[in-house]
């Protein structure tokens, strides 16, 4: 199995490695052959990144958190974090990326600052 990466390279493989952060030869995540299979299965680099993160989540699904002699090791959370990245990249690839919207007035979820007047508002707010 081979591993290659060229900084500033213009191949799809180089773009995918950069996107998923697999650019350090000493800490390889995927062989070229594995990523080329992923690239063949997907339509875009972003979709390929989503698939790569899904594979990493599967790879780490059996890892676990543990403590020993006062030290804590949280390897088990890797799978969940890779699943979050995969979901983010799937949404980005499909064009349904979501973002958190901050209210204009900084307090309300449904009232913009320019809608507030000195007159008492009759809107009901739900706080949770």
Protein backbone atom coordinates (compact mmCIF):
# COMPACT_ATOMS: atom_id res chain seq x y z
CA UNK A 1 0.00 0.00 0.00
CA UNK A 2 1.27 3.45 -0.87
CA UNK A 3 0.81 6.87 0.69
CA UNK A 4 1.47 10.09 -1.22
CA UNK A 5 0.68 13.75 -0.69
CA UNK A 6 2.00 16.81 -2.47
CA UNK A 7 1.52 20.21 -0.84
CA UNK A 8 -0.31 22.36 -3.36
CA UNK A 9 -0.89 19.32 -5.55
CA UNK A 10 -3.72 19.50 -8.04
CA UNK A 11 -4.89 15.89 -7.96
CA UNK A 12 -8.18 14.82 -6.44
CA UNK A 13 -6.24 12.59 -4.04
CA UNK A 14 -4.17 15.55 -2.81
CA UNK A 15 -7.32 17.68 -2.42
CA UNK A 16 -9.06 14.93 -0.45
CA UNK A 17 -6.05 14.36 1.82
CA UNK A 18 -5.93 18.10 2.54
CA UNK A 19 -9.70 18.22 3.23
CA UNK A 20 -9.61 15.36 5.75
CA UNK A 21 -6.29 16.35 7.30
CA UNK A 22 -4.41 13.22 6.23
CA UNK A 23 -1.28 15.12 5.17
CA UNK A 24 1.32 13.79 7.62
CA UNK A 25 3.24 10.74 6.39
CA UNK A 26 4.10 9.81 9.99
CA UNK A 27 0.40 9.65 10.99
CA UNK A 28 -1.24 8.14 7.91
CA UNK A 29 -4.98 7.54 8.07
CA UNK A 30 -5.55 6.03 4.62
CA UNK A 31 -3.49 4.41 1.89
CA UNK A 32 -3.73 5.90 -1.60
CA UNK A 33 -5.62 2.83 -2.80
CA UNK A 34 -8.27 3.24 -0.10
CA UNK A 35 -8.85 6.90 -0.90
CA UNK A 36 -8.90 6.23 -4.63
CA UNK A 37 -11.72 3.71 -3.99
CA UNK A 38 -13.58 6.40 -2.02
CA UNK A 39 -13.04 8.94 -4.82
CA UNK A 40 -14.41 6.43 -7.35
CA UNK A 41 -17.57 5.94 -5.23
CA UNK A 42 -18.36 9.63 -4.69
CA UNK A 43 -19.09 12.57 -6.97
CA UNK A 44 -17.09 15.40 -5.34
CA UNK A 45 -14.13 15.87 -3.02
CA UNK A 46 -16.53 17.05 -0.30
CA UNK A 47 -18.65 13.89 -0.64
CA UNK A 48 -15.45 11.83 -0.63
CA UNK A 49 -14.42 13.56 2.60
CA UNK A 50 -17.78 12.60 4.13
CA UNK A 51 -17.21 8.96 3.15
CA UNK A 52 -13.65 9.04 4.54
CA UNK A 53 -14.93 10.35 7.88
CA UNK A 54 -17.61 7.63 7.91
CA UNK A 55 -14.87 5.04 7.42
CA UNK A 56 -12.80 6.56 10.23
CA UNK A 57 -15.85 6.49 12.50
CA UNK A 58 -16.31 2.79 11.72
CA UNK A 59 -12.62 2.15 12.32
CA UNK A 60 -12.80 3.70 15.80
CA UNK A 61 -16.25 2.37 16.78
CA UNK A 62 -14.74 -0.29 19.07
CA UNK A 63 -12.39 2.14 20.85
CA UNK A 64 -13.27 3.06 24.42
CA UNK A 65 -12.54 5.63 27.11
CA UNK A 66 -10.62 4.51 30.17
CA UNK A 67 -8.68 5.77 33.18
CA UNK A 68 -5.63 4.18 34.73
CA UNK A 69 -3.21 5.38 37.39
CA UNK A 70 -4.73 8.86 37.40
CA UNK A 71 -4.55 9.30 33.62
CA UNK A 72 -7.61 9.43 31.36
CA UNK A 73 -7.72 8.26 27.78
CA UNK A 74 -10.71 9.27 25.64
CA UNK A 75 -10.21 7.27 22.45
CA UNK A 76 -13.84 6.16 22.48
CA UNK A 77 -15.08 9.62 21.56
CA UNK A 78 -13.22 9.54 18.25
CA UNK A 79 -15.96 7.58 16.51
CA UNK A 80 -18.65 10.08 17.54
CA UNK A 81 -16.52 13.03 16.45
CA UNK A 82 -15.82 11.44 13.07
CA UNK A 83 -19.57 10.79 12.66
CA UNK A 84 -20.22 14.51 13.30
CA UNK A 85 -17.65 15.44 10.67
CA UNK A 86 -19.17 12.95 8.23
CA UNK A 87 -22.65 14.41 8.77
CA UNK A 88 -21.32 17.94 8.29
CA UNK A 89 -19.59 17.00 5.04
CA UNK A 90 -22.64 15.05 3.76
CA UNK A 91 -24.79 18.13 4.35
CA UNK A 92 -22.19 20.35 2.72
CA UNK A 93 -21.99 18.01 -0.30
CA UNK A 94 -25.76 17.97 -0.72
CA UNK A 95 -26.10 21.73 -0.37
CA UNK A 96 -28.19 21.52 2.82
CA UNK A 97 -25.56 22.83 5.17
CA UNK A 98 -27.11 24.42 8.24
CA UNK A 99 -25.78 27.21 10.38
CA UNK A 100 -26.69 28.58 13.79
CA UNK A 101 -28.48 31.92 13.51
CA UNK A 102 -27.88 34.48 16.25
CA UNK A 103 -30.86 36.73 17.04
CA UNK A 104 -30.27 40.36 16.12
CA UNK A 105 -31.22 41.65 19.57
CA UNK A 106 -29.14 39.01 21.33
CA UNK A 107 -32.00 37.86 23.55
CA UNK A 108 -34.99 36.64 21.58
CA UNK A 109 -35.34 33.77 19.19
CA UNK A 110 -38.22 35.32 17.29
CA UNK A 111 -37.91 39.12 17.64
CA UNK A 112 -35.39 41.16 15.71
CA UNK A 113 -33.94 44.25 17.35
CA UNK A 114 -35.49 46.55 14.77
CA UNK A 115 -38.96 45.13 15.56
CA UNK A 116 -38.76 46.15 19.21
CA UNK A 117 -40.30 49.43 20.28
CA UNK A 118 -40.96 51.12 23.58
CA UNK A 119 -44.49 49.71 23.49
CA UNK A 120 -44.83 46.53 25.50
CA UNK A 121 -44.67 43.47 23.29
CA UNK A 122 -47.47 40.90 23.46
CA UNK A 123 -45.39 38.10 22.02
CA UNK A 124 -45.05 35.04 24.14
CA UNK A 125 -41.56 33.69 24.52
CA UNK A 126 -40.70 30.11 25.25
CA UNK A 127 -37.47 29.58 27.10
CA UNK A 128 -35.88 26.19 27.26
